Amino acid sequence: MAILKYKTDDDADVGAHGPNFNGIHHFGFYVENLPEQVEKMEKAGGKRLTKVADPGTGGLFGGQANYANAEVKFAGPDGVVIDVSGSGWATSA
């Protein structure tokens, strides 16, 4: 579980429920092949909320250049954001 600051209208992944939403904002899946999973989700009608962040590019939110996270976020059918990662998350243990 992660406790995060509220999203704002300026966040790319604010989600369907808008800013200051109380409840489940997003959940994530670790996938073996991120580009393949992104393609599958787009073909299934998934709406991509963020660019694909590759390892070493600063992540989704412009972190340090050596940031190892590789992920992309989609809008789920019920408004919950789906986060898929090919490398795990910096906050994962």
N, C-alpha and C. Protein backbone atom coordinates (compact mmCIF):
# COMPACT_ATOMS: atom_id res chain seq x y z
N MET A 1 0.84 -1.16 0.00
CA MET A 1 0.00 0.00 0.00
C MET A 1 0.90 1.23 0.00
N ALA A 2 0.49 2.22 -0.75
CA ALA A 2 1.22 3.49 -0.79
C ALA A 2 0.27 4.62 -0.42
N ILE A 3 0.72 5.53 0.39
CA ILE A 3 -0.06 6.72 0.74
C ILE A 3 0.55 7.87 -0.05
N LEU A 4 -0.24 8.44 -0.94
CA LEU A 4 0.25 9.45 -1.87
C LEU A 4 -0.47 10.77 -1.68
N LYS A 5 0.14 11.84 -2.14
CA LYS A 5 -0.53 13.13 -2.16
C LYS A 5 -1.68 13.07 -3.16
N TYR A 6 -2.69 13.89 -2.96
CA TYR A 6 -3.80 13.96 -3.91
C TYR A 6 -3.30 14.38 -5.28
N LYS A 7 -3.96 13.89 -6.31
CA LYS A 7 -3.68 14.31 -7.67
C LYS A 7 -4.35 15.66 -7.92
N THR A 8 -3.84 16.39 -8.90
CA THR A 8 -4.44 17.66 -9.28
C THR A 8 -4.82 17.61 -10.75
N ASP A 9 -5.52 18.62 -11.24
CA ASP A 9 -5.89 18.67 -12.65
C ASP A 9 -4.67 18.71 -13.56
N ASP A 10 -3.52 19.11 -13.04
CA ASP A 10 -2.30 19.19 -13.84
C ASP A 10 -1.60 17.85 -14.02
N ASP A 11 -1.99 16.82 -13.25
CA ASP A 11 -1.36 15.51 -13.36
C ASP A 11 -1.93 14.73 -14.54
N ALA A 12 -1.04 14.13 -15.32
CA ALA A 12 -1.47 13.36 -16.50
C ALA A 12 -2.32 12.16 -16.10
N ASP A 13 -2.07 11.61 -14.92
CA ASP A 13 -2.76 10.40 -14.49
C ASP A 13 -3.79 10.67 -13.39
N VAL A 14 -4.45 11.83 -13.46
CA VAL A 14 -5.41 12.19 -12.42
C VAL A 14 -6.55 11.16 -12.34
N GLY A 15 -6.89 10.52 -13.44
CA GLY A 15 -7.93 9.49 -13.44
C GLY A 15 -9.32 10.06 -13.67
N ALA A 16 -10.26 9.17 -13.90
CA ALA A 16 -11.62 9.55 -14.27
C ALA A 16 -12.39 10.23 -13.14
N HIS A 17 -11.97 10.00 -11.91
CA HIS A 17 -12.70 10.57 -10.77
C HIS A 17 -12.25 11.98 -10.41
N GLY A 18 -11.26 12.49 -11.13
CA GLY A 18 -10.82 13.86 -10.92
C GLY A 18 -9.90 14.02 -9.72
N PRO A 19 -9.46 15.26 -9.49
CA PRO A 19 -8.55 15.52 -8.38
C PRO A 19 -9.25 15.42 -7.03
N ASN A 20 -8.46 15.22 -6.00
CA ASN A 20 -8.95 15.15 -4.62
C ASN A 20 -9.92 14.00 -4.38
N PHE A 21 -9.84 12.96 -5.21
CA PHE A 21 -10.69 11.77 -5.08
C PHE A 21 -10.23 10.94 -3.89
N ASN A 22 -11.17 10.47 -3.09
CA ASN A 22 -10.87 9.54 -1.99
C ASN A 22 -11.26 8.15 -2.42
N GLY A 23 -10.35 7.22 -2.37
CA GLY A 23 -10.61 5.85 -2.77
C GLY A 23 -9.41 5.30 -3.52
N ILE A 24 -9.59 4.17 -4.17
CA ILE A 24 -8.49 3.56 -4.91
C ILE A 24 -8.25 4.36 -6.18
N HIS A 25 -7.10 4.98 -6.28
CA HIS A 25 -6.74 5.75 -7.47
C HIS A 25 -6.15 4.84 -8.53
N HIS A 26 -5.18 4.00 -8.16
CA HIS A 26 -4.58 3.11 -9.15
C HIS A 26 -3.98 1.88 -8.49
N PHE A 27 -3.78 0.88 -9.32
CA PHE A 27 -3.05 -0.31 -8.89
C PHE A 27 -2.12 -0.70 -10.02
N GLY A 28 -1.10 -1.47 -9.69
CA GLY A 28 -0.08 -1.77 -10.68
C GLY A 28 0.16 -3.25 -10.87
N PHE A 29 0.63 -3.57 -12.07
CA PHE A 29 1.04 -4.92 -12.41
C PHE A 29 2.46 -4.89 -12.94
N TYR A 30 3.26 -5.82 -12.48
CA TYR A 30 4.59 -6.02 -13.05
C TYR A 30 4.42 -6.94 -14.25
N VAL A 31 4.95 -6.57 -15.41
CA VAL A 31 4.83 -7.38 -16.62
C VAL A 31 6.23 -7.68 -17.15
N GLU A 32 6.37 -8.82 -17.83
CA GLU A 32 7.68 -9.22 -18.34
C GLU A 32 8.09 -8.42 -19.57
N ASN A 33 7.12 -8.01 -20.39
CA ASN A 33 7.44 -7.30 -21.63
C ASN A 33 6.53 -6.07 -21.72
N LEU A 34 7.04 -4.92 -21.31
CA LEU A 34 6.21 -3.71 -21.25
C LEU A 34 5.70 -3.27 -22.62
N PRO A 35 6.54 -3.18 -23.66
CA PRO A 35 6.01 -2.76 -24.97
C PRO A 35 4.90 -3.68 -25.49
N GLU A 36 5.06 -4.99 -25.28
CA GLU A 36 4.03 -5.94 -25.72
C GLU A 36 2.73 -5.73 -24.94
N GLN A 37 2.83 -5.51 -23.63
CA GLN A 37 1.64 -5.29 -22.81
C GLN A 37 0.93 -4.00 -23.19
N VAL A 38 1.70 -2.94 -23.45
CA VAL A 38 1.11 -1.67 -23.87
C VAL A 38 0.32 -1.87 -25.16
N GLU A 39 0.90 -2.58 -26.11
CA GLU A 39 0.22 -2.84 -27.39
C GLU A 39 -1.07 -3.62 -27.16
N LYS A 40 -1.03 -4.64 -26.31
CA LYS A 40 -2.24 -5.43 -26.02
C LYS A 40 -3.33 -4.57 -25.39
N MET A 41 -2.94 -3.72 -24.46
CA MET A 41 -3.93 -2.89 -23.78
C MET A 41 -4.53 -1.86 -24.73
N GLU A 42 -3.72 -1.30 -25.62
CA GLU A 42 -4.24 -0.35 -26.60
C GLU A 42 -5.16 -1.04 -27.60
N LYS A 43 -4.81 -2.24 -28.04
CA LYS A 43 -5.67 -2.99 -28.97
C LYS A 43 -7.00 -3.36 -28.33
N ALA A 44 -7.00 -3.53 -27.00
CA ALA A 44 -8.23 -3.86 -26.28
C ALA A 44 -9.06 -2.62 -25.97
N GLY A 45 -8.60 -1.45 -26.43
CA GLY A 45 -9.36 -0.22 -26.22
C GLY A 45 -8.94 0.58 -25.01
N GLY A 46 -7.82 0.19 -24.39
CA GLY A 46 -7.33 0.94 -23.23
C GLY A 46 -6.91 2.35 -23.61
N LYS A 47 -7.22 3.30 -22.76
CA LYS A 47 -6.84 4.70 -22.99
C LYS A 47 -5.57 4.99 -22.21
N ARG A 48 -4.49 5.25 -22.93
CA ARG A 48 -3.22 5.54 -22.28
C ARG A 48 -3.26 6.94 -21.68
N LEU A 49 -2.85 7.06 -20.42
CA LEU A 49 -2.83 8.35 -19.73
C LEU A 49 -1.46 8.99 -19.73
N THR A 50 -0.42 8.18 -19.81
CA THR A 50 0.95 8.70 -19.77
C THR A 50 1.77 8.10 -20.90
N LYS A 51 2.87 8.74 -21.17
CA LYS A 51 3.82 8.18 -22.13
C LYS A 51 4.44 6.94 -21.50
N VAL A 52 5.11 6.15 -22.32
CA VAL A 52 5.87 5.02 -21.79
C VAL A 52 7.17 5.59 -21.24
N ALA A 53 7.48 5.29 -20.00
CA ALA A 53 8.73 5.74 -19.40
C ALA A 53 9.71 4.58 -19.41
N ASP A 54 10.80 4.74 -20.11
CA ASP A 54 11.81 3.70 -20.20
C ASP A 54 12.85 3.89 -19.09
N PRO A 55 13.53 2.79 -18.68
CA PRO A 55 14.56 2.92 -17.65
C PRO A 55 15.62 3.92 -18.07
N GLY A 56 16.08 4.72 -17.12
CA GLY A 56 17.15 5.68 -17.38
C GLY A 56 16.70 6.97 -18.03
N THR A 57 15.37 7.20 -18.13
CA THR A 57 14.87 8.41 -18.78
C THR A 57 14.24 9.40 -17.80
N GLY A 58 14.31 9.10 -16.53
CA GLY A 58 13.73 10.02 -15.55
C GLY A 58 12.34 9.62 -15.09
N GLY A 59 11.83 8.49 -15.57
CA GLY A 59 10.51 8.04 -15.14
C GLY A 59 9.39 8.91 -15.68
N LEU A 60 8.18 8.63 -15.25
CA LEU A 60 7.00 9.35 -15.73
C LEU A 60 7.01 10.82 -15.34
N PHE A 61 7.63 11.13 -14.23
CA PHE A 61 7.51 12.47 -13.69
C PHE A 61 8.83 13.22 -13.65
N GLY A 62 9.77 12.83 -14.53
CA GLY A 62 11.01 13.58 -14.68
C GLY A 62 11.96 13.50 -13.51
N GLY A 63 12.09 12.32 -12.92
CA GLY A 63 13.04 12.14 -11.83
C GLY A 63 14.47 12.18 -12.33
N GLN A 64 15.36 11.66 -11.55
CA GLN A 64 16.77 11.65 -11.93
C GLN A 64 16.98 10.83 -13.19
N ALA A 65 17.98 11.18 -13.96
CA ALA A 65 18.24 10.50 -15.23
C ALA A 65 18.50 9.01 -15.06
N ASN A 66 19.02 8.59 -13.93
CA ASN A 66 19.30 7.17 -13.73
C ASN A 66 18.11 6.42 -13.11
N TYR A 67 16.97 7.07 -13.01
CA TYR A 67 15.75 6.46 -12.45
C TYR A 67 15.45 5.19 -13.22
N ALA A 68 15.35 4.06 -12.55
CA ALA A 68 15.26 2.76 -13.21
C ALA A 68 13.85 2.33 -13.58
N ASN A 69 12.84 3.05 -13.16
CA ASN A 69 11.47 2.64 -13.39
C ASN A 69 11.08 2.66 -14.86
N ALA A 70 10.33 1.67 -15.32
CA ALA A 70 9.78 1.62 -16.67
C ALA A 70 8.30 1.31 -16.53
N GLU A 71 7.43 2.26 -16.89
CA GLU A 71 6.00 2.05 -16.68
C GLU A 71 5.15 2.91 -17.61
N VAL A 72 3.86 2.61 -17.64
CA VAL A 72 2.87 3.41 -18.35
C VAL A 72 1.54 3.24 -17.62
N LYS A 73 0.70 4.26 -17.65
CA LYS A 73 -0.59 4.20 -16.96
C LYS A 73 -1.73 4.30 -17.96
N PHE A 74 -2.78 3.51 -17.69
CA PHE A 74 -3.98 3.46 -18.51
C PHE A 74 -5.20 3.75 -17.65
N ALA A 75 -6.28 4.21 -18.28
CA ALA A 75 -7.56 4.37 -17.60
C ALA A 75 -8.28 3.03 -17.63
N GLY A 76 -8.69 2.55 -16.46
CA GLY A 76 -9.45 1.31 -16.39
C GLY A 76 -10.92 1.57 -16.69
N PRO A 77 -11.69 0.50 -16.93
CA PRO A 77 -13.09 0.67 -17.32
C PRO A 77 -13.96 1.31 -16.24
N ASP A 78 -13.56 1.21 -14.98
CA ASP A 78 -14.36 1.78 -13.90
C ASP A 78 -13.75 3.06 -13.33
N GLY A 79 -12.76 3.61 -14.05
CA GLY A 79 -12.15 4.86 -13.62
C GLY A 79 -10.88 4.70 -12.80
N VAL A 80 -10.60 3.48 -12.34
CA VAL A 80 -9.36 3.25 -11.61
C VAL A 80 -8.21 3.18 -12.61
N VAL A 81 -7.10 3.81 -12.28
CA VAL A 81 -5.94 3.84 -13.16
C VAL A 81 -5.16 2.53 -13.02
N ILE A 82 -4.75 1.97 -14.16
CA ILE A 82 -3.96 0.74 -14.20
C ILE A 82 -2.54 1.12 -14.58
N ASP A 83 -1.60 0.78 -13.73
CA ASP A 83 -0.18 1.10 -13.90
C ASP A 83 0.55 -0.20 -14.22
N VAL A 84 1.17 -0.30 -15.38
CA VAL A 84 1.94 -1.49 -15.72
C VAL A 84 3.41 -1.12 -15.81
N SER A 85 4.25 -1.98 -15.24
CA SER A 85 5.68 -1.71 -15.18
C SER A 85 6.48 -2.92 -15.64
N GLY A 86 7.53 -2.65 -16.38
CA GLY A 86 8.44 -3.70 -16.81
C GLY A 86 9.64 -3.84 -15.91
N SER A 87 9.75 -2.99 -14.90
CA SER A 87 10.94 -3.03 -14.03
C SER A 87 10.61 -2.95 -12.55
N GLY A 88 9.33 -2.89 -12.22
CA GLY A 88 8.96 -2.66 -10.83
C GLY A 88 8.95 -1.16 -10.56
N TRP A 89 8.79 -0.79 -9.32
CA TRP A 89 8.70 0.62 -8.96
C TRP A 89 9.77 0.97 -7.95
N ALA A 90 10.22 2.20 -7.99
CA ALA A 90 11.27 2.65 -7.08
C ALA A 90 10.82 2.50 -5.63
N THR A 91 9.52 2.56 -5.39
CA THR A 91 8.99 2.46 -4.04
C THR A 91 8.70 1.03 -3.62
N SER A 92 8.94 0.05 -4.52
CA SER A 92 8.68 -1.35 -4.21
C SER A 92 9.84 -1.93 -3.41
N ALA A 93 9.50 -2.80 -2.50
CA ALA A 93 10.56 -3.46 -1.72
C ALA A 93 10.85 -4.82 -2.30
